[in-house]
């Protein structure tokens, strides 16, 4: 019986391709740090804050859980990251407090729903 071996560079290339082809369903949720960075990038700008630090200061709660346990109130058990955002005095709405939620898909970082102005 004759055995054939792949050259090392071909084996390495095959492993690299396999890592990209892995099904997305096998991927778990984003880490809390990555989810927070995604939320900050979505919110950055008027009225939530012009710097990442300002935006982060307005995020008071973070939750990982199923979509049906969020403000979205519907959907499957798909995991989401929920962020409670409060801006006491937005520059564009003096005297008008912003208080709501941003809900992201825990794997992709896409917005699932939001109860915040300018994100609907």
Protein backbone atom coordinates (compact mmCIF):
# COMPACT_ATOMS: atom_id res chain seq x y z
CA UNK A 1 0.00 0.00 0.00
CA UNK A 2 1.41 3.30 -1.04
CA UNK A 3 0.75 6.40 1.06
CA UNK A 4 0.61 9.85 -0.41
CA UNK A 5 1.34 12.86 1.75
CA UNK A 6 0.51 16.45 1.07
CA UNK A 7 3.43 18.83 0.98
CA UNK A 8 3.51 21.03 4.07
CA UNK A 9 2.49 24.19 2.19
CA UNK A 10 -0.54 22.42 0.67
CA UNK A 11 -1.58 21.10 4.10
CA UNK A 12 -1.26 24.58 5.62
CA UNK A 13 -3.33 26.08 2.81
CA UNK A 14 -5.99 23.40 3.24
CA UNK A 15 -6.21 24.12 6.98
CA UNK A 16 -6.53 27.86 6.32
CA UNK A 17 -9.38 27.30 3.86
CA UNK A 18 -11.13 24.94 6.28
CA UNK A 19 -11.07 27.58 9.00
CA UNK A 20 -12.91 30.05 6.74
CA UNK A 21 -15.43 27.50 5.55
CA UNK A 22 -16.48 26.46 9.07
CA UNK A 23 -20.22 27.00 9.50
CA UNK A 24 -21.23 30.25 11.17
CA UNK A 25 -23.64 28.36 13.40
CA UNK A 26 -20.68 26.77 15.13
CA UNK A 27 -19.42 30.20 16.17
CA UNK A 28 -20.37 31.35 19.64
CA UNK A 29 -21.41 34.82 20.69
CA UNK A 30 -19.01 37.74 20.54
CA UNK A 31 -17.09 38.50 23.69
CA UNK A 32 -18.44 41.29 25.85
CA UNK A 33 -15.52 43.51 24.84
CA UNK A 34 -16.16 42.98 21.11
CA UNK A 35 -19.91 43.50 21.52
CA UNK A 36 -19.29 46.72 23.46
CA UNK A 37 -16.88 47.97 20.78
CA UNK A 38 -19.53 47.23 18.13
CA UNK A 39 -22.23 49.06 20.10
CA UNK A 40 -19.94 52.06 20.62
CA UNK A 41 -19.16 52.24 16.88
CA UNK A 42 -22.89 52.16 16.07
CA UNK A 43 -23.74 54.86 18.62
CA UNK A 44 -20.78 57.19 18.18
CA UNK A 45 -21.88 60.60 17.00
CA UNK A 46 -24.66 63.01 17.84
CA UNK A 47 -26.53 62.60 20.24
CA UNK A 48 -24.71 59.69 21.95
CA UNK A 49 -21.20 61.15 22.07
CA UNK A 50 -18.40 62.14 19.75
CA UNK A 51 -15.73 59.96 21.35
CA UNK A 52 -15.73 56.26 22.27
CA UNK A 53 -15.19 57.24 25.91
CA UNK A 54 -18.26 59.47 25.96
CA UNK A 55 -20.41 56.79 24.34
CA UNK A 56 -19.15 54.14 26.81
CA UNK A 57 -20.00 56.45 29.71
CA UNK A 58 -23.63 56.42 28.54
CA UNK A 59 -23.89 52.61 28.51
CA UNK A 60 -25.16 51.56 31.93
CA UNK A 61 -26.01 47.91 31.46
CA UNK A 62 -24.97 45.01 29.21
CA UNK A 63 -26.79 41.69 28.90
CA UNK A 64 -26.22 38.53 26.91
CA UNK A 65 -29.38 36.49 26.47
CA UNK A 66 -32.08 35.23 24.13
CA UNK A 67 -33.80 37.70 21.85
CA UNK A 68 -37.25 37.09 23.35
CA UNK A 69 -35.97 38.41 26.72
CA UNK A 70 -35.09 41.81 25.22
CA UNK A 71 -37.08 44.92 24.34
CA UNK A 72 -37.59 43.29 20.93
CA UNK A 73 -40.15 40.98 22.64
CA UNK A 74 -40.16 38.53 19.76
CA UNK A 75 -37.98 36.15 17.89
CA UNK A 76 -36.36 32.87 18.59
CA UNK A 77 -33.87 31.94 21.25
CA UNK A 78 -31.06 33.46 19.20
CA UNK A 79 -28.50 35.09 21.48
CA UNK A 80 -28.26 38.87 21.61
CA UNK A 81 -26.25 41.51 23.40
CA UNK A 82 -28.45 44.25 24.89
CA UNK A 83 -27.08 47.64 25.93
CA UNK A 84 -28.98 50.10 28.13
CA UNK A 85 -28.07 53.59 26.95
CA UNK A 86 -28.79 56.80 28.86
CA UNK A 87 -27.84 60.29 27.74
CA UNK A 88 -28.93 62.79 30.40
CA UNK A 89 -28.59 65.98 28.33
CA UNK A 90 -28.09 65.44 24.61
CA UNK A 91 -26.66 68.51 22.88
CA UNK A 92 -29.28 68.42 20.15
CA UNK A 93 -32.16 67.91 22.61
CA UNK A 94 -31.52 70.17 25.63
CA UNK A 95 -33.67 69.02 28.53
CA UNK A 96 -34.63 65.85 26.66
CA UNK A 97 -33.18 62.74 28.25
CA UNK A 98 -32.48 59.68 26.06
CA UNK A 99 -33.09 56.35 27.78
CA UNK A 100 -33.37 53.15 25.74
CA UNK A 101 -31.86 49.91 24.54
CA UNK A 102 -29.67 48.80 21.64
CA UNK A 103 -29.95 45.07 20.89
CA UNK A 104 -27.33 43.38 18.69
CA UNK A 105 -27.14 39.88 17.27
CA UNK A 106 -24.54 38.19 19.47
CA UNK A 107 -22.73 36.51 16.56
CA UNK A 108 -22.83 39.11 13.80
CA UNK A 109 -23.10 42.41 15.69
CA UNK A 110 -25.99 43.57 13.49
CA UNK A 111 -28.77 45.63 15.03
CA UNK A 112 -31.75 43.45 15.96
CA UNK A 113 -33.83 46.31 17.35
CA UNK A 114 -33.44 49.56 19.28
CA UNK A 115 -35.58 51.84 21.40
CA UNK A 116 -33.25 54.79 20.83
CA UNK A 117 -33.68 57.82 18.56
CA UNK A 118 -31.96 57.76 15.16
CA UNK A 119 -31.53 53.96 15.19
CA UNK A 120 -34.94 52.76 14.02
